[in-house]
Amino acid sequence: MPVPSHSPAPRGRPRSITRERIADAGIALGLPHITFTGLAAELGVSHMALYKHVPNLEALKCLVAEEIFGRWEIPQVDGSGQTTLADYLEHFVTSLRALVRANPGLAPWLLRRSATTQPMLAKIDHHHRAVAQAWGLSQTQARWMLTTVAFHCIAVADTVYSVQACGCAAEENEIEQECTKGLHALITGTLALVKTM
């Protein structure tokens, strides 16, 4: 007897829709490709069922962006004094670049204060406080320094990684090196300026 090419829809209670499942499906699709229909299909539910949990597409993308940022592990601040602030900032921008590269479409949620959600702002503020305490900076200095470095890192990474890779390893390597040098210069300049504040 031939086996059917597809299995019938399961009977009984429909799958539950949770914030975590919505976020996982949205991350799998990628922020630029999220639609209610596509995400509902990914979840195995109707798009009307999804509307009961999220009111519109903007809110849906906001939920996914917030979850991506929430799952990102900001590099730990080493309070032992063995890591210089410059080294920490280099590690920070490397991690931030990887976050932007892995999540196309995330940059606007990180760059625009009006798009940044309260949980995202709380995580950022906690990071600012940890850096201020570890390196003896004022809150104002830490906020300015980290915001300046993060803003430019995100913008550059979004520009560099938004274009599909050409497949030419030499060109990709050159772009990576230029990006790294530029961010190093940014860190050097920011550290010089923060001392004058």
N, C-alpha and C. Protein backbone atom coordinates (compact mmCIF):
# COMPACT_ATOMS: atom_id res chain seq x y z
N MET A 1 0.84 -1.18 0.00
CA MET A 1 0.00 0.00 0.00
C MET A 1 0.89 1.24 0.00
N PRO A 2 0.65 2.23 -0.91
CA PRO A 2 1.51 3.41 -0.95
C PRO A 2 1.33 4.29 0.27
N VAL A 3 2.40 4.91 0.66
CA VAL A 3 2.39 5.83 1.81
C VAL A 3 1.97 7.22 1.30
N PRO A 4 1.01 7.89 1.98
CA PRO A 4 0.62 9.22 1.52
C PRO A 4 1.81 10.19 1.53
N SER A 5 1.81 11.13 0.57
CA SER A 5 2.93 12.06 0.45
C SER A 5 2.97 13.08 1.58
N HIS A 6 1.83 13.31 2.23
CA HIS A 6 1.83 14.23 3.37
C HIS A 6 0.89 13.70 4.43
N SER A 7 1.19 14.00 5.65
CA SER A 7 0.35 13.51 6.73
C SER A 7 -0.77 14.50 6.99
N PRO A 8 -1.95 14.02 7.39
CA PRO A 8 -3.05 14.93 7.67
C PRO A 8 -2.75 15.80 8.89
N ALA A 9 -3.44 16.93 8.95
CA ALA A 9 -3.26 17.82 10.10
C ALA A 9 -3.66 17.09 11.37
N PRO A 10 -2.91 17.28 12.45
CA PRO A 10 -3.25 16.60 13.69
C PRO A 10 -4.60 17.06 14.22
N ARG A 11 -5.32 16.13 14.79
CA ARG A 11 -6.62 16.46 15.37
C ARG A 11 -6.44 16.87 16.82
N GLY A 12 -7.47 17.48 17.35
CA GLY A 12 -7.42 17.86 18.76
C GLY A 12 -7.06 19.32 18.92
N ARG A 13 -6.53 19.59 20.06
CA ARG A 13 -6.21 20.96 20.43
C ARG A 13 -5.11 21.55 19.54
N PRO A 14 -5.29 22.79 19.04
CA PRO A 14 -4.24 23.38 18.21
C PRO A 14 -2.99 23.68 19.04
N ARG A 15 -1.88 23.78 18.34
CA ARG A 15 -0.62 24.09 19.03
C ARG A 15 -0.74 25.42 19.76
N SER A 16 -0.13 25.51 20.92
CA SER A 16 -0.20 26.77 21.66
C SER A 16 0.78 27.77 21.06
N ILE A 17 0.38 29.01 21.08
CA ILE A 17 1.23 30.08 20.57
C ILE A 17 1.80 30.81 21.78
N THR A 18 3.11 30.75 21.90
CA THR A 18 3.77 31.45 23.01
C THR A 18 4.71 32.50 22.43
N ARG A 19 5.09 33.42 23.26
CA ARG A 19 6.05 34.46 22.84
C ARG A 19 7.34 33.81 22.35
N GLU A 20 7.79 32.79 23.05
CA GLU A 20 9.03 32.12 22.67
C GLU A 20 8.91 31.45 21.31
N ARG A 21 7.79 30.80 21.06
CA ARG A 21 7.58 30.14 19.76
C ARG A 21 7.48 31.18 18.65
N ILE A 22 6.79 32.29 18.92
CA ILE A 22 6.69 33.36 17.92
C ILE A 22 8.09 33.90 17.62
N ALA A 23 8.88 34.16 18.67
CA ALA A 23 10.23 34.69 18.48
C ALA A 23 11.10 33.71 17.71
N ASP A 24 11.06 32.44 18.08
CA ASP A 24 11.87 31.42 17.39
C ASP A 24 11.53 31.37 15.91
N ALA A 25 10.23 31.40 15.60
CA ALA A 25 9.80 31.36 14.20
C ALA A 25 10.22 32.62 13.46
N GLY A 26 10.10 33.78 14.12
CA GLY A 26 10.51 35.04 13.51
C GLY A 26 12.01 35.08 13.25
N ILE A 27 12.79 34.58 14.19
CA ILE A 27 14.24 34.55 14.03
C ILE A 27 14.61 33.62 12.87
N ALA A 28 13.91 32.48 12.78
CA ALA A 28 14.17 31.54 11.69
C ALA A 28 13.86 32.17 10.33
N LEU A 29 12.79 32.95 10.25
CA LEU A 29 12.44 33.62 8.99
C LEU A 29 13.37 34.77 8.68
N GLY A 30 13.79 35.49 9.71
CA GLY A 30 14.61 36.70 9.54
C GLY A 30 13.72 37.92 9.51
N LEU A 31 14.11 38.96 10.25
CA LEU A 31 13.28 40.17 10.37
C LEU A 31 12.79 40.73 9.04
N PRO A 32 13.62 40.83 8.00
CA PRO A 32 13.13 41.40 6.74
C PRO A 32 12.06 40.56 6.04
N HIS A 33 11.97 39.29 6.40
CA HIS A 33 11.07 38.37 5.70
C HIS A 33 9.82 38.01 6.50
N ILE A 34 9.65 38.63 7.65
CA ILE A 34 8.50 38.29 8.49
C ILE A 34 7.22 38.87 7.91
N THR A 35 6.23 37.99 7.78
CA THR A 35 4.86 38.38 7.46
C THR A 35 3.97 37.58 8.39
N PHE A 36 2.75 38.05 8.60
CA PHE A 36 1.84 37.29 9.45
C PHE A 36 1.57 35.91 8.86
N THR A 37 1.34 35.85 7.57
CA THR A 37 1.03 34.57 6.93
C THR A 37 2.22 33.62 7.02
N GLY A 38 3.41 34.14 6.72
CA GLY A 38 4.61 33.30 6.75
C GLY A 38 4.93 32.81 8.15
N LEU A 39 4.80 33.68 9.14
CA LEU A 39 5.11 33.29 10.50
C LEU A 39 4.06 32.31 11.04
N ALA A 40 2.80 32.54 10.68
CA ALA A 40 1.74 31.61 11.10
C ALA A 40 1.99 30.22 10.50
N ALA A 41 2.39 30.19 9.23
CA ALA A 41 2.70 28.91 8.58
C ALA A 41 3.86 28.21 9.29
N GLU A 42 4.86 29.00 9.67
CA GLU A 42 6.02 28.45 10.39
C GLU A 42 5.60 27.84 11.72
N LEU A 43 4.60 28.47 12.36
CA LEU A 43 4.10 27.98 13.65
C LEU A 43 3.07 26.86 13.49
N GLY A 44 2.54 26.71 12.28
CA GLY A 44 1.50 25.70 12.06
C GLY A 44 0.14 26.14 12.58
N VAL A 45 -0.12 27.46 12.53
CA VAL A 45 -1.40 28.00 13.00
C VAL A 45 -1.94 28.94 11.91
N SER A 46 -3.16 29.38 12.08
CA SER A 46 -3.71 30.35 11.12
C SER A 46 -3.19 31.74 11.46
N HIS A 47 -3.15 32.62 10.44
CA HIS A 47 -2.68 33.98 10.72
C HIS A 47 -3.67 34.71 11.63
N MET A 48 -4.94 34.32 11.61
CA MET A 48 -5.92 34.92 12.51
C MET A 48 -5.62 34.54 13.97
N ALA A 49 -5.17 33.32 14.17
CA ALA A 49 -4.80 32.90 15.53
C ALA A 49 -3.61 33.71 16.02
N LEU A 50 -2.71 34.02 15.12
CA LEU A 50 -1.53 34.80 15.49
C LEU A 50 -1.93 36.24 15.86
N TYR A 51 -2.93 36.79 15.16
CA TYR A 51 -3.40 38.14 15.47
C TYR A 51 -3.96 38.25 16.89
N LYS A 52 -4.36 37.15 17.47
CA LYS A 52 -4.86 37.18 18.85
C LYS A 52 -3.73 37.44 19.85
N HIS A 53 -2.51 37.22 19.42
CA HIS A 53 -1.35 37.38 20.30
C HIS A 53 -0.53 38.63 19.99
N VAL A 54 -0.56 39.05 18.74
CA VAL A 54 0.21 40.21 18.30
C VAL A 54 -0.69 41.06 17.41
N PRO A 55 -0.87 42.35 17.72
CA PRO A 55 -1.88 43.15 17.02
C PRO A 55 -1.56 43.53 15.57
N ASN A 56 -0.28 43.64 15.22
CA ASN A 56 0.05 44.07 13.86
C ASN A 56 1.48 43.65 13.52
N LEU A 57 1.85 43.87 12.27
CA LEU A 57 3.17 43.45 11.80
C LEU A 57 4.30 44.17 12.53
N GLU A 58 4.13 45.45 12.79
CA GLU A 58 5.16 46.22 13.50
C GLU A 58 5.40 45.64 14.89
N ALA A 59 4.33 45.31 15.58
CA ALA A 59 4.45 44.72 16.92
C ALA A 59 5.10 43.34 16.85
N LEU A 60 4.80 42.61 15.79
CA LEU A 60 5.39 41.29 15.60
C LEU A 60 6.90 41.41 15.41
N LYS A 61 7.32 42.33 14.54
CA LYS A 61 8.75 42.51 14.32
C LYS A 61 9.44 43.05 15.58
N CYS A 62 8.74 43.90 16.30
CA CYS A 62 9.28 44.44 17.55
C CYS A 62 9.53 43.32 18.55
N LEU A 63 8.57 42.41 18.66
CA LEU A 63 8.70 41.27 19.57
C LEU A 63 9.94 40.45 19.20
N VAL A 64 10.11 40.18 17.91
CA VAL A 64 11.24 39.37 17.46
C VAL A 64 12.56 40.11 17.70
N ALA A 65 12.61 41.40 17.37
CA ALA A 65 13.84 42.18 17.58
C ALA A 65 14.21 42.22 19.06
N GLU A 66 13.21 42.43 19.91
CA GLU A 66 13.45 42.48 21.35
C GLU A 66 14.00 41.15 21.85
N GLU A 67 13.45 40.07 21.32
CA GLU A 67 13.91 38.74 21.76
C GLU A 67 15.33 38.46 21.27
N ILE A 68 15.65 38.86 20.04
CA ILE A 68 17.01 38.68 19.54
C ILE A 68 17.99 39.41 20.45
N PHE A 69 17.68 40.66 20.77
CA PHE A 69 18.57 41.45 21.61
C PHE A 69 18.63 40.87 23.03
N GLY A 70 17.50 40.40 23.53
CA GLY A 70 17.46 39.80 24.86
C GLY A 70 18.31 38.55 24.98
N ARG A 71 18.38 37.79 23.90
CA ARG A 71 19.17 36.54 23.89
C ARG A 71 20.66 36.79 23.68
N TRP A 72 20.99 37.98 23.14
CA TRP A 72 22.40 38.30 22.92
C TRP A 72 23.10 38.47 24.26
N GLU A 73 24.22 37.82 24.41
CA GLU A 73 24.99 37.94 25.64
C GLU A 73 26.05 39.02 25.45
N ILE A 74 25.80 40.16 26.08
CA ILE A 74 26.79 41.24 26.03
C ILE A 74 28.05 40.73 26.71
N PRO A 75 29.22 40.96 26.12
CA PRO A 75 30.45 40.48 26.76
C PRO A 75 30.53 40.91 28.23
N GLN A 76 30.88 39.94 29.05
CA GLN A 76 30.96 40.18 30.49
C GLN A 76 32.05 41.20 30.82
N VAL A 77 31.72 42.04 31.76
CA VAL A 77 32.69 43.01 32.26
C VAL A 77 33.54 42.31 33.30
N ASP A 78 34.85 42.37 33.10
CA ASP A 78 35.77 41.74 34.03
C ASP A 78 36.18 42.78 35.07
N GLY A 79 35.66 42.64 36.26
CA GLY A 79 35.94 43.60 37.32
C GLY A 79 37.28 43.39 38.01
N SER A 80 38.08 42.44 37.53
CA SER A 80 39.34 42.13 38.21
C SER A 80 40.45 43.14 37.88
N GLY A 81 40.24 43.94 36.85
CA GLY A 81 41.26 44.91 36.47
C GLY A 81 42.30 44.34 35.53
N GLN A 82 42.15 43.09 35.11
CA GLN A 82 43.14 42.47 34.22
C GLN A 82 42.89 42.82 32.76
N THR A 83 41.67 43.25 32.42
CA THR A 83 41.33 43.63 31.05
C THR A 83 41.29 45.14 30.95
N THR A 84 41.96 45.68 29.94
CA THR A 84 41.90 47.13 29.76
C THR A 84 40.55 47.50 29.14
N LEU A 85 40.16 48.74 29.29
CA LEU A 85 38.91 49.21 28.71
C LEU A 85 38.98 49.11 27.19
N ALA A 86 40.12 49.40 26.61
CA ALA A 86 40.28 49.31 25.15
C ALA A 86 40.06 47.88 24.68
N ASP A 87 40.64 46.92 25.39
CA ASP A 87 40.45 45.50 25.02
C ASP A 87 38.99 45.09 25.17
N TYR A 88 38.36 45.56 26.22
CA TYR A 88 36.95 45.23 26.42
C TYR A 88 36.10 45.78 25.27
N LEU A 89 36.36 47.03 24.88
CA LEU A 89 35.59 47.64 23.79
C LEU A 89 35.81 46.91 22.47
N GLU A 90 37.02 46.43 22.24
CA GLU A 90 37.29 45.63 21.02
C GLU A 90 36.44 44.36 21.04
N HIS A 91 36.39 43.73 22.19
CA HIS A 91 35.58 42.50 22.33
C HIS A 91 34.10 42.83 22.17
N PHE A 92 33.67 43.94 22.71
CA PHE A 92 32.29 44.39 22.62
C PHE A 92 31.87 44.61 21.17
N VAL A 93 32.69 45.32 20.39
CA VAL A 93 32.31 45.59 18.99
C VAL A 93 32.35 44.31 18.15
N THR A 94 33.25 43.40 18.48
CA THR A 94 33.28 42.12 17.75
C THR A 94 31.98 41.36 17.98
N SER A 95 31.52 41.34 19.21
CA SER A 95 30.26 40.66 19.54
C SER A 95 29.07 41.35 18.90
N LEU A 96 29.07 42.68 18.91
CA LEU A 96 27.98 43.46 18.33
C LEU A 96 27.93 43.27 16.81
N ARG A 97 29.09 43.25 16.17
CA ARG A 97 29.13 42.99 14.72
C ARG A 97 28.55 41.63 14.40
N ALA A 98 28.89 40.64 15.20
CA ALA A 98 28.37 39.28 14.98
C ALA A 98 26.85 39.25 15.14
N LEU A 99 26.34 39.99 16.11
CA LEU A 99 24.89 40.07 16.33
C LEU A 99 24.19 40.65 15.11
N VAL A 100 24.71 41.76 14.58
CA VAL A 100 24.11 42.41 13.42
C VAL A 100 24.23 41.53 12.18
N ARG A 101 25.38 40.88 12.02
CA ARG A 101 25.59 40.01 10.85
C ARG A 101 24.63 38.83 10.87
N ALA A 102 24.42 38.25 12.04
CA ALA A 102 23.55 37.07 12.15
C ALA A 102 22.07 37.40 12.05
N ASN A 103 21.73 38.68 12.20
CA ASN A 103 20.32 39.08 12.24
C ASN A 103 20.06 40.27 11.32
N PRO A 104 20.02 40.05 10.01
CA PRO A 104 19.73 41.15 9.09
C PRO A 104 18.41 41.83 9.47
N GLY A 105 18.41 43.15 9.37
CA GLY A 105 17.21 43.91 9.68
C GLY A 105 17.11 44.33 11.14
N LEU A 106 18.04 43.91 11.98
CA LEU A 106 17.99 44.24 13.40
C LEU A 106 18.48 45.66 13.68
N ALA A 107 19.38 46.17 12.86
CA ALA A 107 20.04 47.46 13.13
C ALA A 107 19.07 48.60 13.46
N PRO A 108 17.99 48.80 12.70
CA PRO A 108 17.09 49.92 13.05
C PRO A 108 16.51 49.82 14.46
N TRP A 109 16.30 48.61 14.93
CA TRP A 109 15.76 48.43 16.28
C TRP A 109 16.79 48.79 17.33
N LEU A 110 18.06 48.72 16.97
CA LEU A 110 19.12 49.04 17.91
C LEU A 110 19.54 50.51 17.83
N LEU A 111 19.39 51.10 16.65
CA LEU A 111 19.87 52.47 16.44
C LEU A 111 18.84 53.53 16.80
N ARG A 112 17.58 53.25 16.58
CA ARG A 112 16.53 54.25 16.79
C ARG A 112 15.93 54.11 18.18
N ARG A 113 16.10 55.14 18.97
CA ARG A 113 15.60 55.09 20.35
C ARG A 113 14.09 54.84 20.39
N SER A 114 13.37 55.38 19.41
CA SER A 114 11.91 55.19 19.37
C SER A 114 11.53 53.74 19.10
N ALA A 115 12.45 52.96 18.51
CA ALA A 115 12.17 51.55 18.22
C ALA A 115 12.65 50.64 19.33
N THR A 116 13.53 51.14 20.17
CA THR A 116 14.10 50.33 21.25
C THR A 116 13.08 50.18 22.37
N THR A 117 12.83 48.94 22.78
CA THR A 117 11.81 48.67 23.79
C THR A 117 12.35 48.85 25.20
N GLN A 118 11.46 48.89 26.16
CA GLN A 118 11.87 49.08 27.56
C GLN A 118 12.80 47.98 28.06
N PRO A 119 12.53 46.69 27.77
CA PRO A 119 13.49 45.66 28.20
C PRO A 119 14.87 45.83 27.55
N MET A 120 14.89 46.28 26.30
CA MET A 120 16.17 46.51 25.64
C MET A 120 16.93 47.66 26.32
N LEU A 121 16.20 48.73 26.62
CA LEU A 121 16.82 49.88 27.30
C LEU A 121 17.34 49.50 28.68
N ALA A 122 16.60 48.65 29.39
CA ALA A 122 17.04 48.21 30.72
C ALA A 122 18.34 47.41 30.62
N LYS A 123 18.43 46.55 29.61
CA LYS A 123 19.66 45.76 29.43
C LYS A 123 20.84 46.68 29.09
N ILE A 124 20.60 47.67 28.24
CA ILE A 124 21.65 48.62 27.86
C ILE A 124 22.10 49.41 29.09
N ASP A 125 21.14 49.89 29.88
CA ASP A 125 21.48 50.67 31.07
C ASP A 125 22.29 49.84 32.07
N HIS A 126 21.92 48.59 32.24
CA HIS A 126 22.67 47.70 33.15
C HIS A 126 24.11 47.56 32.67
N HIS A 127 24.29 47.44 31.36
CA HIS A 127 25.63 47.32 30.78
C HIS A 127 26.43 48.61 31.04
N HIS A 128 25.80 49.75 30.82
CA HIS A 128 26.48 51.03 31.06
C HIS A 128 26.97 51.12 32.51
N ARG A 129 26.11 50.73 33.43
CA ARG A 129 26.47 50.79 34.85
C ARG A 129 27.64 49.87 35.19
N ALA A 130 27.61 48.67 34.61
CA ALA A 130 28.69 47.70 34.88
C ALA A 130 30.03 48.23 34.37
N VAL A 131 30.04 48.81 33.17
CA VAL A 131 31.28 49.35 32.60
C VAL A 131 31.75 50.55 33.41
N ALA A 132 30.84 51.42 33.79
CA ALA A 132 31.20 52.59 34.61
C ALA A 132 31.88 52.15 35.90
N GLN A 133 31.30 51.18 36.55
CA GLN A 133 31.84 50.71 37.83
C GLN A 133 33.20 50.03 37.65
N ALA A 134 33.32 49.19 36.63
CA ALA A 134 34.56 48.43 36.42
C ALA A 134 35.75 49.31 36.09
N TRP A 135 35.52 50.42 35.36
CA TRP A 135 36.65 51.25 34.93
C TRP A 135 36.61 52.66 35.52
N GLY A 136 35.86 52.85 36.58
CA GLY A 136 35.87 54.12 37.30
C GLY A 136 35.39 55.31 36.47
N LEU A 137 34.38 55.09 35.66
CA LEU A 137 33.82 56.17 34.86
C LEU A 137 32.53 56.67 35.49
N SER A 138 32.15 57.87 35.15
CA SER A 138 30.83 58.34 35.57
C SER A 138 29.78 57.69 34.68
N GLN A 139 28.54 57.73 35.11
CA GLN A 139 27.44 57.18 34.29
C GLN A 139 27.40 57.91 32.95
N THR A 140 27.59 59.21 32.98
CA THR A 140 27.56 60.01 31.75
C THR A 140 28.67 59.58 30.79
N GLN A 141 29.87 59.40 31.32
CA GLN A 141 31.00 58.98 30.49
C GLN A 141 30.74 57.60 29.88
N ALA A 142 30.32 56.65 30.70
CA ALA A 142 30.09 55.29 30.21
C ALA A 142 28.98 55.27 29.16
N ARG A 143 27.90 56.00 29.44
CA ARG A 143 26.78 56.04 28.48
C ARG A 143 27.22 56.62 27.15
N TRP A 144 27.92 57.76 27.20
CA TRP A 144 28.37 58.39 25.96
C TRP A 144 29.33 57.49 25.19
N MET A 145 30.31 56.93 25.89
CA MET A 145 31.32 56.09 25.26
C MET A 145 30.70 54.87 24.60
N LEU A 146 29.88 54.13 25.35
CA LEU A 146 29.30 52.90 24.83
C LEU A 146 28.27 53.17 23.74
N THR A 147 27.51 54.24 23.89
CA THR A 147 26.53 54.60 22.86
C THR A 147 27.22 54.99 21.57
N THR A 148 28.29 55.77 21.68
CA THR A 148 29.04 56.21 20.50
C THR A 148 29.63 55.00 19.77
N VAL A 149 30.30 54.15 20.51
CA VAL A 149 30.93 52.97 19.90
C VAL A 149 29.87 52.04 19.31
N ALA A 150 28.81 51.77 20.06
CA ALA A 150 27.77 50.86 19.58
C ALA A 150 27.07 51.41 18.35
N PHE A 151 26.72 52.70 18.37
CA PHE A 151 26.00 53.31 17.25
C PHE A 151 26.78 53.14 15.95
N HIS A 152 28.05 53.53 15.98
CA HIS A 152 28.87 53.45 14.76
C HIS A 152 29.15 52.00 14.36
N CYS A 153 29.37 51.14 15.33
CA CYS A 153 29.60 49.72 15.03
C CYS A 153 28.38 49.11 14.35
N ILE A 154 27.19 49.37 14.88
CA ILE A 154 25.96 48.81 14.31
C ILE A 154 25.74 49.34 12.90
N ALA A 155 25.91 50.65 12.72
CA ALA A 155 25.70 51.26 11.41
C ALA A 155 26.68 50.71 10.37
N VAL A 156 27.94 50.59 10.75
CA VAL A 156 28.94 50.06 9.82
C VAL A 156 28.65 48.59 9.52
N ALA A 157 28.38 47.81 10.55
CA ALA A 157 28.10 46.39 10.35
C ALA A 157 26.88 46.19 9.47
N ASP A 158 25.85 46.98 9.70
CA ASP A 158 24.63 46.85 8.89
C ASP A 158 24.94 47.18 7.43
N THR A 159 25.73 48.19 7.20
CA THR A 159 26.10 48.56 5.83
C THR A 159 26.94 47.47 5.18
N VAL A 160 27.94 46.99 5.90
CA VAL A 160 28.85 45.98 5.35
C VAL A 160 28.14 44.66 5.10
N TYR A 161 27.29 44.24 6.03
CA TYR A 161 26.70 42.91 5.93
C TYR A 161 25.34 42.88 5.23
N SER A 162 24.79 44.06 4.90
CA SER A 162 23.48 44.05 4.25
C SER A 162 23.58 43.65 2.77
N VAL A 163 24.77 43.79 2.20
CA VAL A 163 24.98 43.36 0.82
C VAL A 163 25.40 41.90 0.83
N GLN A 164 24.78 41.12 -0.04
CA GLN A 164 25.10 39.69 -0.13
C GLN A 164 26.58 39.52 -0.41
N ALA A 165 27.21 38.59 0.27
CA ALA A 165 28.63 38.32 0.05
C ALA A 165 28.86 37.93 -1.41
N CYS A 166 29.94 38.43 -1.97
CA CYS A 166 30.22 38.22 -3.40
C CYS A 166 30.80 36.84 -3.68
N GLY A 167 31.22 36.16 -2.64
CA GLY A 167 31.84 34.86 -2.85
C GLY A 167 33.34 34.96 -3.08
N CYS A 168 33.84 36.17 -3.15
CA CYS A 168 35.27 36.39 -3.34
C CYS A 168 35.91 36.53 -1.96
N ALA A 169 36.62 35.51 -1.55
CA ALA A 169 37.20 35.48 -0.21
C ALA A 169 38.15 36.64 0.03
N ALA A 170 38.93 37.02 -0.99
CA ALA A 170 39.91 38.10 -0.82
C ALA A 170 39.19 39.43 -0.54
N GLU A 171 38.11 39.70 -1.28
CA GLU A 171 37.37 40.95 -1.06
C GLU A 171 36.69 40.95 0.30
N GLU A 172 36.09 39.83 0.66
CA GLU A 172 35.41 39.74 1.96
C GLU A 172 36.41 39.94 3.09
N ASN A 173 37.59 39.35 2.97
CA ASN A 173 38.63 39.49 3.98
C ASN A 173 39.10 40.94 4.08
N GLU A 174 39.24 41.61 2.93
CA GLU A 174 39.66 43.01 2.91
C GLU A 174 38.61 43.89 3.60
N ILE A 175 37.35 43.64 3.32
CA ILE A 175 36.27 44.41 3.94
C ILE A 175 36.28 44.21 5.45
N GLU A 176 36.45 42.96 5.90
CA GLU A 176 36.51 42.67 7.33
C GLU A 176 37.66 43.41 7.99
N GLN A 177 38.82 43.40 7.34
CA GLN A 177 40.00 44.07 7.90
C GLN A 177 39.78 45.57 7.99
N GLU A 178 39.19 46.17 6.95
CA GLU A 178 38.93 47.61 6.96
C GLU A 178 37.91 47.96 8.04
N CYS A 179 36.91 47.13 8.20
CA CYS A 179 35.90 47.35 9.24
C CYS A 179 36.55 47.29 10.62
N THR A 180 37.40 46.30 10.83
CA THR A 180 38.10 46.15 12.11
C THR A 180 39.00 47.35 12.39
N LYS A 181 39.74 47.80 11.39
CA LYS A 181 40.62 48.97 11.56
C LYS A 181 39.80 50.23 11.88
N GLY A 182 38.71 50.41 11.16
CA GLY A 182 37.87 51.59 11.38
C GLY A 182 37.29 51.61 12.78
N LEU A 183 36.83 50.46 13.25
CA LEU A 183 36.26 50.40 14.60
C LEU A 183 37.35 50.56 15.66
N HIS A 184 38.55 50.08 15.37
CA HIS A 184 39.67 50.29 16.29
C HIS A 184 39.97 51.79 16.41
N ALA A 185 39.97 52.49 15.28
CA ALA A 185 40.20 53.94 15.30
C ALA A 185 39.10 54.65 16.08
N LEU A 186 37.86 54.20 15.90
CA LEU A 186 36.74 54.77 16.63
C LEU A 186 36.93 54.59 18.14
N ILE A 187 37.33 53.41 18.55
CA ILE A 187 37.55 53.13 19.97
C ILE A 187 38.67 54.01 20.52
N THR A 188 39.77 54.11 19.76
CA THR A 188 40.91 54.93 20.20
C THR A 188 40.49 56.39 20.40
N GLY A 189 39.76 56.92 19.43
CA GLY A 189 39.29 58.30 19.54
C GLY A 189 38.29 58.50 20.65
N THR A 190 37.40 57.55 20.81
CA THR A 190 36.38 57.66 21.87
C THR A 190 37.03 57.64 23.25
N LEU A 191 38.02 56.77 23.42
CA LEU A 191 38.71 56.70 24.71
C LEU A 191 39.46 58.00 25.01
N ALA A 192 40.03 58.62 23.97
CA ALA A 192 40.73 59.89 24.18
C ALA A 192 39.73 60.99 24.58
N LEU A 193 38.57 60.99 23.95
CA LEU A 193 37.58 62.03 24.23
C LEU A 193 36.88 61.84 25.57
N VAL A 194 36.66 60.58 25.96
CA VAL A 194 35.91 60.35 27.20
C VAL A 194 36.69 60.88 28.41
N LYS A 195 37.99 60.92 28.32
CA LYS A 195 38.81 61.43 29.42
C LYS A 195 38.63 62.93 29.63
N THR A 196 38.18 63.62 28.59
CA THR A 196 38.00 65.07 28.68
C THR A 196 36.62 65.48 29.20
N MET A 197 35.76 64.51 29.41
CA MET A 197 34.39 64.81 29.83
C MET A 197 34.31 65.09 31.32
